[in-house]
Amino acid sequence: MCEMLDESRVSVCDAAIERYRERLGERLGGAVSFTHVDYRPTLVECLDPALVPEFQGLVRELMDAGADAP
């Protein structure tokens, strides 16, 4: 399960993280960071304020497509 934490951060479950890495990395490259914390969802952050709207749109697309489901 994924959860938007604020406009530039989302937590992503382990079952879906590879899909998020692939899609966000492909479109936003180094403007996105992935921070793994044991026993918690991975924190995904958009580091470039100018790309936040695109980040939000991609996250919504992934959520709507069920990319957060195993």
C-alpha atoms as a PDB file:
ATOM      1  CA  MET A   1       0.000   0.000   0.000  1.00  0.00           C
ATOM      2  CA  CYS A   2       1.192   3.485  -0.808  1.00  0.00           C
ATOM      3  CA  GLU A   3       0.438   6.688   1.005  1.00  0.00           C
ATOM      4  CA  MET A   4       1.064  10.285  -0.026  1.00  0.00           C
ATOM      5  CA  LEU A   5       2.715  11.963   2.954  1.00  0.00           C
ATOM      6  CA  ASP A   6       2.818  15.431   1.428  1.00  0.00           C
ATOM      7  CA  GLU A   7       3.234  16.996  -1.999  1.00  0.00           C
ATOM      8  CA  SER A   8       6.762  15.692  -2.530  1.00  0.00           C
ATOM      9  CA  ARG A   9       6.875  12.471  -0.461  1.00  0.00           C
ATOM     10  CA  VAL A  10       5.166   9.097  -0.651  1.00  0.00           C
ATOM     11  CA  SER A  11       5.647   5.876   1.299  1.00  0.00           C
ATOM     12  CA  VAL A  12       5.690   2.749  -0.858  1.00  0.00           C
ATOM     13  CA  CYS A  13       5.299  -0.849   0.328  1.00  0.00           C
ATOM     14  CA  ASP A  14       7.931  -3.458  -0.526  1.00  0.00           C
ATOM     15  CA  ALA A  15       5.547  -5.287  -2.878  1.00  0.00           C
ATOM     16  CA  ALA A  16       5.306  -2.251  -5.162  1.00  0.00           C
ATOM     17  CA  ILE A  17       8.640  -0.477  -4.780  1.00  0.00           C
ATOM     18  CA  GLU A  18      10.236  -1.911  -7.923  1.00  0.00           C
ATOM     19  CA  ARG A  19       7.388  -0.579 -10.087  1.00  0.00           C
ATOM     20  CA  TYR A  20       7.788   2.854  -8.506  1.00  0.00           C
ATOM     21  CA  ARG A  21      11.579   2.768  -8.915  1.00  0.00           C
ATOM     22  CA  GLU A  22      11.225   1.848 -12.566  1.00  0.00           C
ATOM     23  CA  ARG A  23       8.572   4.418 -13.479  1.00  0.00           C
ATOM     24  CA  LEU A  24       9.786   7.345 -11.379  1.00  0.00           C
ATOM     25  CA  GLY A  25      13.440   6.673 -12.160  1.00  0.00           C
ATOM     26  CA  GLU A  26      12.682   6.493 -15.872  1.00  0.00           C
ATOM     27  CA  ARG A  27      10.882   9.842 -15.888  1.00  0.00           C
ATOM     28  CA  LEU A  28      12.567  11.820 -13.105  1.00  0.00           C
ATOM     29  CA  GLY A  29      15.999  10.206 -12.753  1.00  0.00           C
ATOM     30  CA  GLY A  30      18.138  11.645  -9.985  1.00  0.00           C
ATOM     31  CA  ALA A  31      15.420  14.071  -8.909  1.00  0.00           C
ATOM     32  CA  VAL A  32      13.859  11.220  -6.895  1.00  0.00           C
ATOM     33  CA  SER A  33      15.375   9.550  -3.839  1.00  0.00           C
ATOM     34  CA  PHE A  34      14.431   6.192  -2.347  1.00  0.00           C
ATOM     35  CA  THR A  35      15.126   5.654   1.366  1.00  0.00           C
ATOM     36  CA  HIS A  36      14.646   2.149   2.719  1.00  0.00           C
ATOM     37  CA  VAL A  37      13.936   1.723   6.427  1.00  0.00           C
ATOM     38  CA  ASP A  38      13.737  -1.809   7.846  1.00  0.00           C
ATOM     39  CA  TYR A  39      10.187  -2.939   8.642  1.00  0.00           C
ATOM     40  CA  ARG A  40       8.651   0.207   7.157  1.00  0.00           C
ATOM     41  CA  PRO A  41       7.584   1.301   3.675  1.00  0.00           C
ATOM     42  CA  THR A  42      10.234   2.922   1.496  1.00  0.00           C
ATOM     43  CA  LEU A  43      10.204   6.708   1.550  1.00  0.00           C
ATOM     44  CA  VAL A  44      10.217   8.175  -1.958  1.00  0.00           C
ATOM     45  CA  GLU A  45      10.946  11.898  -2.261  1.00  0.00           C
ATOM     46  CA  CYS A  46      11.011  14.323  -5.149  1.00  0.00           C
ATOM     47  CA  LEU A  47      14.107  16.459  -4.587  1.00  0.00           C
ATOM     48  CA  ASP A  48      13.445  19.067  -7.288  1.00  0.00           C
ATOM     49  CA  PRO A  49      10.575  21.454  -6.445  1.00  0.00           C
ATOM     50  CA  ALA A  50      10.088  22.191 -10.152  1.00  0.00           C
ATOM     51  CA  LEU A  51       9.292  18.501 -10.774  1.00  0.00           C
ATOM     52  CA  VAL A  52       6.825  18.031  -7.903  1.00  0.00           C
ATOM     53  CA  PRO A  53       3.730  18.334 -10.151  1.00  0.00           C
ATOM     54  CA  GLU A  54       5.075  15.627 -12.486  1.00  0.00           C
ATOM     55  CA  PHE A  55       6.029  13.473  -9.477  1.00  0.00           C
ATOM     56  CA  GLN A  56       2.497  13.795  -8.075  1.00  0.00           C
ATOM     57  CA  GLY A  57       0.964  12.877 -11.425  1.00  0.00           C
ATOM     58  CA  LEU A  58       3.147   9.793 -11.807  1.00  0.00           C
ATOM     59  CA  VAL A  59       2.407   8.638  -8.261  1.00  0.00           C
ATOM     60  CA  ARG A  60      -1.328   9.071  -8.862  1.00  0.00           C
ATOM     61  CA  GLU A  61      -1.079   7.084 -12.103  1.00  0.00           C
ATOM     62  CA  LEU A  62       0.733   4.271 -10.307  1.00  0.00           C
ATOM     63  CA  MET A  63      -1.779   4.249  -7.462  1.00  0.00           C
ATOM     64  CA  ASP A  64      -4.745   4.300  -9.861  1.00  0.00           C
ATOM     65  CA  ALA A  65      -3.215   1.465 -11.893  1.00  0.00           C
ATOM     66  CA  GLY A  66      -2.906  -0.631  -8.757  1.00  0.00           C
ATOM     67  CA  ALA A  67       0.884  -0.583  -8.774  1.00  0.00           C
ATOM     68  CA  ASP A  68       0.783  -0.577  -5.000  1.00  0.00           C
ATOM     69  CA  ALA A  69      -0.906  -3.988  -4.973  1.00  0.00           C
ATOM     70  CA  PRO A  70       1.215  -7.129  -4.820  1.00  0.00           C
END
